[in-house]
Amino acid sequence: MLALGADAIYLGTAILFATAHGQTNQALPFEPPTQVVWYSGKYRDQFDSNTGAEAAENFLHASVEEMKMALRAMGKCSLKELTKKDLVSYDEHISKWVKVPYSFQPYKR
C-alpha cells in the first residue's frame, strides 16, 4: 500500500487480533472468543489489558522487522525507496486494477 502511494494504512483488525491473541481461549469451549474482548462481553473482566498491550507491541515490532527484511531482499534501504515498480500481483484482476505486473505463469509441460 505504501508502494502504491499511501501515506498510512489501517491496522485496526490486525491490532485487535494481536491484542486478543492468547486471551480469547478463556471463553472456550462454551462461548465465542469475542466474549473476552468485547466491552460488554461475558468474560470481559478476564481480559488483561497489559498482556493485550504487550501482544500489540510485539505485533508492531514484528511487522517492522518483516518490512525491513522484505526491503533488504529487494535491495532497498528505506520504505521511501519502495515504488510501484517493485510490486507484482498473483491475482489477475488486482494486477489490472492497480496497474502492476501479473506474476502468475501457468505450468507448461
PDB file of N, CA and C in Angstrom:
ATOM      1  N   MET A   1       0.817  -1.182   0.000  1.00  0.00           N
ATOM      2  CA  MET A   1       0.000   0.000   0.000  1.00  0.00           C
ATOM      3  C   MET A   1       0.863   1.249   0.000  1.00  0.00           C
ATOM      4  N   LEU A   2       1.952   1.201   0.744  1.00  0.00           N
ATOM      5  CA  LEU A   2       2.870   2.338   0.759  1.00  0.00           C
ATOM      6  C   LEU A   2       3.506   2.528  -0.615  1.00  0.00           C
ATOM      7  N   ALA A   3       3.827   1.416  -1.278  1.00  0.00           N
ATOM      8  CA  ALA A   3       4.430   1.492  -2.608  1.00  0.00           C
ATOM      9  C   ALA A   3       3.445   2.047  -3.631  1.00  0.00           C
ATOM     10  N   LEU A   4       2.159   1.926  -3.365  1.00  0.00           N
ATOM     11  CA  LEU A   4       1.145   2.460  -4.268  1.00  0.00           C
ATOM     12  C   LEU A   4       0.840   3.922  -3.979  1.00  0.00           C
ATOM     13  N   GLY A   5       1.510   4.487  -2.949  1.00  0.00           N
ATOM     14  CA  GLY A   5       1.351   5.910  -2.672  1.00  0.00           C
ATOM     15  C   GLY A   5       0.619   6.256  -1.395  1.00  0.00           C
ATOM     16  N   ALA A   6       0.215   5.274  -0.614  1.00  0.00           N
ATOM     17  CA  ALA A   6      -0.492   5.570   0.629  1.00  0.00           C
ATOM     18  C   ALA A   6       0.443   6.219   1.650  1.00  0.00           C
ATOM     19  N   ASP A   7      -0.076   7.154   2.409  1.00  0.00           N
ATOM     20  CA  ASP A   7       0.691   7.782   3.486  1.00  0.00           C
ATOM     21  C   ASP A   7       0.599   6.968   4.765  1.00  0.00           C
ATOM     22  N   ALA A   8      -0.464   6.192   4.880  1.00  0.00           N
ATOM     23  CA  ALA A   8      -0.684   5.370   6.071  1.00  0.00           C
ATOM     24  C   ALA A   8      -1.588   4.210   5.676  1.00  0.00           C
ATOM     25  N   ILE A   9      -1.653   3.203   6.530  1.00  0.00           N
ATOM     26  CA  ILE A   9      -2.542   2.072   6.281  1.00  0.00           C
ATOM     27  C   ILE A   9      -3.321   1.751   7.548  1.00  0.00           C
ATOM     28  N   TYR A  10      -4.455   1.115   7.391  1.00  0.00           N
ATOM     29  CA  TYR A  10      -5.326   0.753   8.502  1.00  0.00           C
ATOM     30  C   TYR A  10      -4.862  -0.559   9.115  1.00  0.00           C
ATOM     31  N   LEU A  11      -4.664  -0.573  10.415  1.00  0.00           N
ATOM     32  CA  LEU A  11      -4.217  -1.780  11.100  1.00  0.00           C
ATOM     33  C   LEU A  11      -5.214  -2.261  12.151  1.00  0.00           C
ATOM     34  N   GLY A  12      -6.381  -1.656  12.232  1.00  0.00           N
ATOM     35  CA  GLY A  12      -7.328  -1.927  13.305  1.00  0.00           C
ATOM     36  C   GLY A  12      -7.621  -3.395  13.563  1.00  0.00           C
ATOM     37  N   THR A  13      -7.995  -4.128  12.531  1.00  0.00           N
ATOM     38  CA  THR A  13      -8.353  -5.527  12.720  1.00  0.00           C
ATOM     39  C   THR A  13      -7.142  -6.352  13.136  1.00  0.00           C
ATOM     40  N   ALA A  14      -5.998  -6.112  12.497  1.00  0.00           N
ATOM     41  CA  ALA A  14      -4.789  -6.863  12.839  1.00  0.00           C
ATOM     42  C   ALA A  14      -4.381  -6.588  14.291  1.00  0.00           C
ATOM     43  N   ILE A  15      -4.484  -5.340  14.727  1.00  0.00           N
ATOM     44  CA  ILE A  15      -4.145  -4.989  16.110  1.00  0.00           C
ATOM     45  C   ILE A  15      -5.119  -5.652  17.072  1.00  0.00           C
ATOM     46  N   LEU A  16      -6.399  -5.675  16.713  1.00  0.00           N
ATOM     47  CA  LEU A  16      -7.391  -6.335  17.569  1.00  0.00           C
ATOM     48  C   LEU A  16      -7.067  -7.813  17.720  1.00  0.00           C
ATOM     49  N   PHE A  17      -6.753  -8.481  16.614  1.00  0.00           N
ATOM     50  CA  PHE A  17      -6.402  -9.902  16.689  1.00  0.00           C
ATOM     51  C   PHE A  17      -5.156 -10.114  17.539  1.00  0.00           C
ATOM     52  N   ALA A  18      -4.157  -9.276  17.338  1.00  0.00           N
ATOM     53  CA  ALA A  18      -2.910  -9.406  18.104  1.00  0.00           C
ATOM     54  C   ALA A  18      -3.157  -9.169  19.589  1.00  0.00           C
ATOM     55  N   THR A  19      -3.959  -8.164  19.911  1.00  0.00           N
ATOM     56  CA  THR A  19      -4.248  -7.829  21.308  1.00  0.00           C
ATOM     57  C   THR A  19      -5.003  -8.956  22.000  1.00  0.00           C
ATOM     58  N   ALA A  20      -5.924  -9.554  21.284  1.00  0.00           N
ATOM     59  CA  ALA A  20      -6.763 -10.596  21.870  1.00  0.00           C
ATOM     60  C   ALA A  20      -6.093 -11.969  21.880  1.00  0.00           C
ATOM     61  N   HIS A  21      -5.095 -12.139  21.012  1.00  0.00           N
ATOM     62  CA  HIS A  21      -4.456 -13.441  20.885  1.00  0.00           C
ATOM     63  C   HIS A  21      -3.928 -13.937  22.234  1.00  0.00           C
ATOM     64  N   GLY A  22      -4.230 -15.154  22.562  1.00  0.00           N
ATOM     65  CA  GLY A  22      -3.753 -15.736  23.812  1.00  0.00           C
ATOM     66  C   GLY A  22      -4.717 -15.544  24.972  1.00  0.00           C
ATOM     67  N   GLN A  23      -5.679 -14.642  24.820  1.00  0.00           N
ATOM     68  CA  GLN A  23      -6.634 -14.423  25.901  1.00  0.00           C
ATOM     69  C   GLN A  23      -8.043 -14.898  25.556  1.00  0.00           C
ATOM     70  N   THR A  24      -8.310 -15.078  24.279  1.00  0.00           N
ATOM     71  CA  THR A  24      -9.661 -15.462  23.872  1.00  0.00           C
ATOM     72  C   THR A  24     -10.027 -16.887  24.270  1.00  0.00           C
ATOM     73  N   ASN A  25      -9.022 -17.704  24.560  1.00  0.00           N
ATOM     74  CA  ASN A  25      -9.324 -19.093  24.936  1.00  0.00           C
ATOM     75  C   ASN A  25      -9.982 -19.197  26.306  1.00  0.00           C
ATOM     76  N   GLN A  26     -10.032 -18.111  27.049  1.00  0.00           N
ATOM     77  CA  GLN A  26     -10.679 -18.133  28.363  1.00  0.00           C
ATOM     78  C   GLN A  26     -12.187 -18.346  28.251  1.00  0.00           C
ATOM     79  N   ALA A  27     -12.766 -18.010  27.114  1.00  0.00           N
ATOM     80  CA  ALA A  27     -14.204 -18.176  26.914  1.00  0.00           C
ATOM     81  C   ALA A  27     -14.559 -19.551  26.351  1.00  0.00           C
ATOM     82  N   LEU A  28     -13.585 -20.225  25.792  1.00  0.00           N
ATOM     83  CA  LEU A  28     -13.841 -21.521  25.156  1.00  0.00           C
ATOM     84  C   LEU A  28     -14.038 -22.613  26.192  1.00  0.00           C
ATOM     85  N   PRO A  29     -14.755 -23.664  25.936  1.00  0.00           N
ATOM     86  CA  PRO A  29     -15.364 -24.089  24.686  1.00  0.00           C
ATOM     87  C   PRO A  29     -16.829 -23.698  24.541  1.00  0.00           C
ATOM     88  N   PHE A  30     -17.408 -23.046  25.530  1.00  0.00           N
ATOM     89  CA  PHE A  30     -18.853 -22.830  25.501  1.00  0.00           C
ATOM     90  C   PHE A  30     -19.286 -21.461  25.000  1.00  0.00           C
ATOM     91  N   GLU A  31     -18.388 -20.500  24.966  1.00  0.00           N
ATOM     92  CA  GLU A  31     -18.715 -19.155  24.496  1.00  0.00           C
ATOM     93  C   GLU A  31     -17.765 -18.770  23.367  1.00  0.00           C
ATOM     94  N   PRO A  32     -18.191 -17.857  22.500  1.00  0.00           N
ATOM     95  CA  PRO A  32     -17.278 -17.416  21.437  1.00  0.00           C
ATOM     96  C   PRO A  32     -16.113 -16.614  22.022  1.00  0.00           C
ATOM     97  N   PRO A  33     -14.947 -16.678  21.409  1.00  0.00           N
ATOM     98  CA  PRO A  33     -13.771 -15.986  21.921  1.00  0.00           C
ATOM     99  C   PRO A  33     -13.960 -14.485  22.075  1.00  0.00           C
ATOM    100  N   THR A  34     -14.837 -13.905  21.274  1.00  0.00           N
ATOM    101  CA  THR A  34     -15.062 -12.458  21.346  1.00  0.00           C
ATOM    102  C   THR A  34     -15.637 -12.019  22.690  1.00  0.00           C
ATOM    103  N   GLN A  35     -16.197 -12.942  23.464  1.00  0.00           N
ATOM    104  CA  GLN A  35     -16.775 -12.591  24.762  1.00  0.00           C
ATOM    105  C   GLN A  35     -15.719 -12.094  25.748  1.00  0.00           C
ATOM    106  N   VAL A  36     -14.447 -12.331  25.452  1.00  0.00           N
ATOM    107  CA  VAL A  36     -13.365 -11.854  26.321  1.00  0.00           C
ATOM    108  C   VAL A  36     -12.991 -10.413  25.972  1.00  0.00           C
ATOM    109  N   VAL A  37     -13.059 -10.044  24.706  1.00  0.00           N
ATOM    110  CA  VAL A  37     -12.572  -8.731  24.279  1.00  0.00           C
ATOM    111  C   VAL A  37     -13.652  -7.685  24.066  1.00  0.00           C
ATOM    112  N   TRP A  38     -14.901  -8.079  23.906  1.00  0.00           N
ATOM    113  CA  TRP A  38     -15.971  -7.094  23.744  1.00  0.00           C
ATOM    114  C   TRP A  38     -16.175  -6.326  25.035  1.00  0.00           C
ATOM    115  N   TYR A  39     -16.488  -5.054  24.905  1.00  0.00           N
ATOM    116  CA  TYR A  39     -16.729  -4.205  26.073  1.00  0.00           C
ATOM    117  C   TYR A  39     -17.852  -4.762  26.945  1.00  0.00           C
ATOM    118  N   SER A  40     -18.870  -5.321  26.316  1.00  0.00           N
ATOM    119  CA  SER A  40     -19.982  -5.892  27.074  1.00  0.00           C
ATOM    120  C   SER A  40     -19.943  -7.418  27.086  1.00  0.00           C
ATOM    121  N   GLY A  41     -18.781  -7.995  26.802  1.00  0.00           N
ATOM    122  CA  GLY A  41     -18.643  -9.452  26.743  1.00  0.00           C
ATOM    123  C   GLY A  41     -18.802 -10.116  28.098  1.00  0.00           C
ATOM    124  N   LYS A  42     -19.218 -11.354  28.061  1.00  0.00           N
ATOM    125  CA  LYS A  42     -19.466 -12.138  29.268  1.00  0.00           C
ATOM    126  C   LYS A  42     -18.202 -12.323  30.112  1.00  0.00           C
ATOM    127  N   TYR A  43     -17.037 -12.396  29.463  1.00  0.00           N
ATOM    128  CA  TYR A  43     -15.767 -12.622  30.169  1.00  0.00           C
ATOM    129  C   TYR A  43     -14.836 -11.413  30.101  1.00  0.00           C
ATOM    130  N   ARG A  44     -15.396 -10.227  29.891  1.00  0.00           N
ATOM    131  CA  ARG A  44     -14.567  -9.021  29.749  1.00  0.00           C
ATOM    132  C   ARG A  44     -13.698  -8.761  30.968  1.00  0.00           C
ATOM    133  N   ASP A  45     -14.136  -9.190  32.140  1.00  0.00           N
ATOM    134  CA  ASP A  45     -13.352  -8.965  33.360  1.00  0.00           C
ATOM    135  C   ASP A  45     -12.098  -9.849  33.407  1.00  0.00           C
ATOM    136  N   GLN A  46     -12.026 -10.852  32.528  1.00  0.00           N
ATOM    137  CA  GLN A  46     -10.848 -11.715  32.484  1.00  0.00           C
ATOM    138  C   GLN A  46      -9.803 -11.232  31.475  1.00  0.00           C
ATOM    139  N   PHE A  47     -10.136 -10.177  30.733  1.00  0.00           N
ATOM    140  CA  PHE A  47      -9.184  -9.633  29.758  1.00  0.00           C
ATOM    141  C   PHE A  47      -8.135  -8.801  30.492  1.00  0.00           C
ATOM    142  N   ASP A  48      -6.877  -9.102  30.255  1.00  0.00           N
ATOM    143  CA  ASP A  48      -5.765  -8.375  30.865  1.00  0.00           C
ATOM    144  C   ASP A  48      -5.231  -7.370  29.852  1.00  0.00           C
ATOM    145  N   SER A  49      -5.494  -6.086  30.079  1.00  0.00           N
ATOM    146  CA  SER A  49      -5.105  -5.060  29.110  1.00  0.00           C
ATOM    147  C   SER A  49      -3.585  -4.941  28.981  1.00  0.00           C
ATOM    148  N   ASN A  50      -2.840  -5.202  30.051  1.00  0.00           N
ATOM    149  CA  ASN A  50      -1.375  -5.144  29.956  1.00  0.00           C
ATOM    150  C   ASN A  50      -0.838  -6.239  29.040  1.00  0.00           C
ATOM    151  N   THR A  51      -1.384  -7.435  29.153  1.00  0.00           N
ATOM    152  CA  THR A  51      -0.989  -8.532  28.269  1.00  0.00           C
ATOM    153  C   THR A  51      -1.380  -8.211  26.830  1.00  0.00           C
ATOM    154  N   GLY A  52      -2.564  -7.629  26.650  1.00  0.00           N
ATOM    155  CA  GLY A  52      -3.015  -7.237  25.317  1.00  0.00           C
ATOM    156  C   GLY A  52      -2.115  -6.176  24.704  1.00  0.00           C
ATOM    157  N   ALA A  53      -1.725  -5.181  25.506  1.00  0.00           N
ATOM    158  CA  ALA A  53      -0.845  -4.120  25.015  1.00  0.00           C
ATOM    159  C   ALA A  53       0.518  -4.687  24.626  1.00  0.00           C
ATOM    160  N   GLU A  54       1.018  -5.607  25.416  1.00  0.00           N
ATOM    161  CA  GLU A  54       2.313  -6.238  25.105  1.00  0.00           C
ATOM    162  C   GLU A  54       2.221  -7.033  23.805  1.00  0.00           C
ATOM    163  N   ALA A  55       1.115  -7.740  23.608  1.00  0.00           N
ATOM    164  CA  ALA A  55       0.927  -8.513  22.371  1.00  0.00           C
ATOM    165  C   ALA A  55       0.846  -7.585  21.165  1.00  0.00           C
ATOM    166  N   ALA A  56       0.153  -6.450  21.306  1.00  0.00           N
ATOM    167  CA  ALA A  56       0.064  -5.486  20.210  1.00  0.00           C
ATOM    168  C   ALA A  56       1.438  -4.895  19.894  1.00  0.00           C
ATOM    169  N   GLU A  57       2.189  -4.598  20.930  1.00  0.00           N
ATOM    170  CA  GLU A  57       3.539  -4.074  20.740  1.00  0.00           C
ATOM    171  C   GLU A  57       4.421  -5.088  20.006  1.00  0.00           C
ATOM    172  N   ASN A  58       4.334  -6.347  20.406  1.00  0.00           N
ATOM    173  CA  ASN A  58       5.101  -7.404  19.731  1.00  0.00           C
ATOM    174  C   ASN A  58       4.715  -7.513  18.263  1.00  0.00           C
ATOM    175  N   PHE A  59       3.414  -7.400  17.981  1.00  0.00           N
ATOM    176  CA  PHE A  59       2.932  -7.458  16.600  1.00  0.00           C
ATOM    177  C   PHE A  59       3.531  -6.320  15.769  1.00  0.00           C
ATOM    178  N   LEU A  60       3.521  -5.116  16.323  1.00  0.00           N
ATOM    179  CA  LEU A  60       4.051  -3.963  15.588  1.00  0.00           C
ATOM    180  C   LEU A  60       5.555  -4.092  15.352  1.00  0.00           C
ATOM    181  N   HIS A  61       6.288  -4.550  16.362  1.00  0.00           N
ATOM    182  CA  HIS A  61       7.729  -4.767  16.192  1.00  0.00           C
ATOM    183  C   HIS A  61       7.999  -5.834  15.128  1.00  0.00           C
ATOM    184  N   ALA A  62       7.239  -6.919  15.160  1.00  0.00           N
ATOM    185  CA  ALA A  62       7.404  -7.983  14.171  1.00  0.00           C
ATOM    186  C   ALA A  62       7.084  -7.471  12.764  1.00  0.00           C
ATOM    187  N   SER A  63       6.054  -6.637  12.643  1.00  0.00           N
ATOM    188  CA  SER A  63       5.696  -6.073  11.341  1.00  0.00           C
ATOM    189  C   SER A  63       6.819  -5.205  10.785  1.00  0.00           C
ATOM    190  N   VAL A  64       7.417  -4.394  11.640  1.00  0.00           N
ATOM    191  CA  VAL A  64       8.529  -3.547  11.219  1.00  0.00           C
ATOM    192  C   VAL A  64       9.702  -4.407  10.756  1.00  0.00           C
ATOM    193  N   GLU A  65      10.017  -5.459  11.508  1.00  0.00           N
ATOM    194  CA  GLU A  65      11.129  -6.335  11.137  1.00  0.00           C
ATOM    195  C   GLU A  65      10.860  -7.045   9.813  1.00  0.00           C
ATOM    196  N   GLU A  66       9.612  -7.453   9.577  1.00  0.00           N
ATOM    197  CA  GLU A  66       9.269  -8.102   8.310  1.00  0.00           C
ATOM    198  C   GLU A  66       9.419  -7.130   7.144  1.00  0.00           C
ATOM    199  N   MET A  67       9.018  -5.865   7.358  1.00  0.00           N
ATOM    200  CA  MET A  67       9.190  -4.873   6.296  1.00  0.00           C
ATOM    201  C   MET A  67      10.669  -4.635   6.020  1.00  0.00           C
ATOM    202  N   LYS A  68      11.483  -4.594   7.063  1.00  0.00           N
ATOM    203  CA  LYS A  68      12.927  -4.416   6.875  1.00  0.00           C
ATOM    204  C   LYS A  68      13.519  -5.577   6.087  1.00  0.00           C
ATOM    205  N   MET A  69      13.132  -6.807   6.425  1.00  0.00           N
ATOM    206  CA  MET A  69      13.643  -7.974   5.711  1.00  0.00           C
ATOM    207  C   MET A  69      13.223  -7.948   4.245  1.00  0.00           C
ATOM    208  N   ALA A  70      11.976  -7.591   3.980  1.00  0.00           N
ATOM    209  CA  ALA A  70      11.494  -7.530   2.598  1.00  0.00           C
ATOM    210  C   ALA A  70      12.245  -6.461   1.815  1.00  0.00           C
ATOM    211  N   LEU A  71      12.468  -5.319   2.438  1.00  0.00           N
ATOM    212  CA  LEU A  71      13.216  -4.249   1.766  1.00  0.00           C
ATOM    213  C   LEU A  71      14.634  -4.687   1.452  1.00  0.00           C
ATOM    214  N   ARG A  72      15.292  -5.326   2.414  1.00  0.00           N
ATOM    215  CA  ARG A  72      16.657  -5.812   2.180  1.00  0.00           C
ATOM    216  C   ARG A  72      16.679  -6.831   1.036  1.00  0.00           C
ATOM    217  N   ALA A  73      15.656  -7.699   0.996  1.00  0.00           N
ATOM    218  CA  ALA A  73      15.592  -8.708  -0.065  1.00  0.00           C
ATOM    219  C   ALA A  73      15.447  -8.061  -1.438  1.00  0.00           C
ATOM    220  N   MET A  74      14.857  -6.870  -1.490  1.00  0.00           N
ATOM    221  CA  MET A  74      14.707  -6.149  -2.757  1.00  0.00           C
ATOM    222  C   MET A  74      15.876  -5.213  -3.030  1.00  0.00           C
ATOM    223  N   GLY A  75      16.835  -5.167  -2.105  1.00  0.00           N
ATOM    224  CA  GLY A  75      17.986  -4.287  -2.296  1.00  0.00           C
ATOM    225  C   GLY A  75      17.707  -2.840  -1.944  1.00  0.00           C
ATOM    226  N   LYS A  76      16.695  -2.612  -1.135  1.00  0.00           N
ATOM    227  CA  LYS A  76      16.320  -1.251  -0.722  1.00  0.00           C
ATOM    228  C   LYS A  76      16.822  -0.985   0.687  1.00  0.00           C
ATOM    229  N   CYS A  77      17.015   0.285   0.993  1.00  0.00           N
ATOM    230  CA  CYS A  77      17.464   0.677   2.333  1.00  0.00           C
ATOM    231  C   CYS A  77      16.367   1.354   3.133  1.00  0.00           C
ATOM    232  N   SER A  78      15.287   1.762   2.479  1.00  0.00           N
ATOM    233  CA  SER A  78      14.254   2.546   3.149  1.00  0.00           C
ATOM    234  C   SER A  78      12.913   2.341   2.461  1.00  0.00           C
ATOM    235  N   LEU A  79      11.835   2.548   3.214  1.00  0.00           N
ATOM    236  CA  LEU A  79      10.498   2.488   2.626  1.00  0.00           C
ATOM    237  C   LEU A  79      10.324   3.564   1.569  1.00  0.00           C
ATOM    238  N   LYS A  80      11.054   4.663   1.708  1.00  0.00           N
ATOM    239  CA  LYS A  80      10.961   5.758   0.741  1.00  0.00           C
ATOM    240  C   LYS A  80      11.445   5.328  -0.640  1.00  0.00           C
ATOM    241  N   GLU A  81      12.274   4.308  -0.699  1.00  0.00           N
ATOM    242  CA  GLU A  81      12.785   3.803  -1.972  1.00  0.00           C
ATOM    243  C   GLU A  81      11.802   2.864  -2.661  1.00  0.00           C
ATOM    244  N   LEU A  82      10.804   2.402  -1.941  1.00  0.00           N
ATOM    245  CA  LEU A  82       9.833   1.454  -2.478  1.00  0.00           C
ATOM    246  C   LEU A  82       8.884   2.176  -3.429  1.00  0.00           C
ATOM    247  N   THR A  83       8.721   1.614  -4.622  1.00  0.00           N
ATOM    248  CA  THR A  83       7.826   2.208  -5.611  1.00  0.00           C
ATOM    249  C   THR A  83       6.907   1.140  -6.194  1.00  0.00           C
ATOM    250  N   LYS A  84       5.997   1.587  -7.002  1.00  0.00           N
ATOM    251  CA  LYS A  84       5.063   0.690  -7.665  1.00  0.00           C
ATOM    252  C   LYS A  84       5.797  -0.303  -8.575  1.00  0.00           C
ATOM    253  N   LYS A  85       6.967   0.074  -9.053  1.00  0.00           N
ATOM    254  CA  LYS A  85       7.762  -0.800  -9.922  1.00  0.00           C
ATOM    255  C   LYS A  85       8.263  -2.042  -9.182  1.00  0.00           C
ATOM    256  N   ASP A  86       8.230  -2.011  -7.836  1.00  0.00           N
ATOM    257  CA  ASP A  86       8.690  -3.142  -7.035  1.00  0.00           C
ATOM    258  C   ASP A  86       7.594  -4.177  -6.796  1.00  0.00           C
ATOM    259  N   LEU A  87       6.402  -3.927  -7.283  1.00  0.00           N
ATOM    260  CA  LEU A  87       5.255  -4.778  -6.980  1.00  0.00           C
ATOM    261  C   LEU A  87       4.873  -5.695  -8.136  1.00  0.00           C
ATOM    262  N   VAL A  88       4.287  -6.828  -7.769  1.00  0.00           N
ATOM    263  CA  VAL A  88       3.618  -7.729  -8.698  1.00  0.00           C
ATOM    264  C   VAL A  88       2.368  -8.243  -7.991  1.00  0.00           C
ATOM    265  N   SER A  89       1.476  -8.844  -8.738  1.00  0.00           N
ATOM    266  CA  SER A  89       0.266  -9.405  -8.143  1.00  0.00           C
ATOM    267  C   SER A  89       0.073 -10.838  -8.604  1.00  0.00           C
ATOM    268  N   TYR A  90      -0.412 -11.675  -7.716  1.00  0.00           N
ATOM    269  CA  TYR A  90      -0.750 -13.058  -8.067  1.00  0.00           C
ATOM    270  C   TYR A  90      -2.193 -13.167  -8.534  1.00  0.00           C
ATOM    271  N   ASP A  91      -2.922 -12.054  -8.483  1.00  0.00           N
ATOM    272  CA  ASP A  91      -4.317 -12.021  -8.898  1.00  0.00           C
ATOM    273  C   ASP A  91      -4.433 -11.147 -10.145  1.00  0.00           C
ATOM    274  N   GLU A  92      -4.946 -11.716 -11.212  1.00  0.00           N
ATOM    275  CA  GLU A  92      -5.003 -11.008 -12.492  1.00  0.00           C
ATOM    276  C   GLU A  92      -5.865  -9.749 -12.421  1.00  0.00           C
ATOM    277  N   HIS A  93      -6.991  -9.816 -11.724  1.00  0.00           N
ATOM    278  CA  HIS A  93      -7.891  -8.658 -11.626  1.00  0.00           C
ATOM    279  C   HIS A  93      -7.243  -7.522 -10.838  1.00  0.00           C
ATOM    280  N   ILE A  94      -6.581  -7.861  -9.737  1.00  0.00           N
ATOM    281  CA  ILE A  94      -5.912  -6.834  -8.932  1.00  0.00           C
ATOM    282  C   ILE A  94      -4.764  -6.216  -9.716  1.00  0.00           C
ATOM    283  N   SER A  95      -4.026  -7.042 -10.452  1.00  0.00           N
ATOM    284  CA  SER A  95      -2.905  -6.501 -11.230  1.00  0.00           C
ATOM    285  C   SER A  95      -3.394  -5.472 -12.256  1.00  0.00           C
ATOM    286  N   LYS A  96      -4.537  -5.722 -12.870  1.00  0.00           N
ATOM    287  CA  LYS A  96      -5.094  -4.757 -13.822  1.00  0.00           C
ATOM    288  C   LYS A  96      -5.606  -3.512 -13.108  1.00  0.00           C
ATOM    289  N   TRP A  97      -6.215  -3.711 -11.961  1.00  0.00           N
ATOM    290  CA  TRP A  97      -6.814  -2.597 -11.213  1.00  0.00           C
ATOM    291  C   TRP A  97      -5.761  -1.615 -10.716  1.00  0.00           C
ATOM    292  N   VAL A  98      -4.667  -2.137 -10.130  1.00  0.00           N
ATOM    293  CA  VAL A  98      -3.633  -1.250  -9.582  1.00  0.00           C
ATOM    294  C   VAL A  98      -2.474  -1.036 -10.553  1.00  0.00           C
ATOM    295  N   LYS A  99      -2.583  -1.631 -11.746  1.00  0.00           N
ATOM    296  CA  LYS A  99      -1.592  -1.461 -12.814  1.00  0.00           C
ATOM    297  C   LYS A  99      -0.183  -1.881 -12.395  1.00  0.00           C
ATOM    298  N   VAL A 100      -0.107  -3.130 -11.897  1.00  0.00           N
ATOM    299  CA  VAL A 100       1.190  -3.750 -11.612  1.00  0.00           C
ATOM    300  C   VAL A 100       1.248  -5.059 -12.407  1.00  0.00           C
ATOM    301  N   PRO A 101       2.442  -5.559 -12.681  1.00  0.00           N
ATOM    302  CA  PRO A 101       2.539  -6.793 -13.471  1.00  0.00           C
ATOM    303  C   PRO A 101       1.862  -7.985 -12.803  1.00  0.00           C
ATOM    304  N   TYR A 102       1.246  -8.800 -13.627  1.00  0.00           N
ATOM    305  CA  TYR A 102       0.638 -10.059 -13.186  1.00  0.00           C
ATOM    306  C   TYR A 102       1.731 -11.113 -13.206  1.00  0.00           C
ATOM    307  N   SER A 103       1.983 -11.761 -12.101  1.00  0.00           N
ATOM    308  CA  SER A 103       3.162 -12.627 -12.000  1.00  0.00           C
ATOM    309  C   SER A 103       2.884 -14.107 -12.195  1.00  0.00           C
ATOM    310  N   PHE A 104       1.652 -14.502 -12.353  1.00  0.00           N
ATOM    311  CA  PHE A 104       1.340 -15.925 -12.490  1.00  0.00           C
ATOM    312  C   PHE A 104       1.694 -16.414 -13.883  1.00  0.00           C
ATOM    313  N   GLN A 105       2.372 -17.525 -13.935  1.00  0.00           N
ATOM    314  CA  GLN A 105       2.684 -18.185 -15.204  1.00  0.00           C
ATOM    315  C   GLN A 105       2.158 -19.621 -15.115  1.00  0.00           C
ATOM    316  N   PRO A 106       1.244 -20.009 -16.010  1.00  0.00           N
ATOM    317  CA  PRO A 106       0.728 -21.367 -15.955  1.00  0.00           C
ATOM    318  C   PRO A 106       1.827 -22.393 -16.189  1.00  0.00           C
ATOM    319  N   TYR A 107       1.681 -23.518 -15.541  1.00  0.00           N
ATOM    320  CA  TYR A 107       2.644 -24.609 -15.684  1.00  0.00           C
ATOM    321  C   TYR A 107       2.505 -25.227 -17.059  1.00  0.00           C
ATOM    322  N   LYS A 108       3.618 -25.333 -17.747  1.00  0.00           N
ATOM    323  CA  LYS A 108       3.610 -25.963 -19.082  1.00  0.00           C
ATOM    324  C   LYS A 108       4.554 -27.146 -19.050  1.00  0.00           C
ATOM    325  N   ARG A 109       4.118 -28.228 -19.653  1.00  0.00           N
ATOM    326  CA  ARG A 109       4.957 -29.444 -19.713  1.00  0.00           C
ATOM    327  C   ARG A 109       5.803 -29.432 -20.929  1.00  0.00           C
TER     328      ARG A 109
END
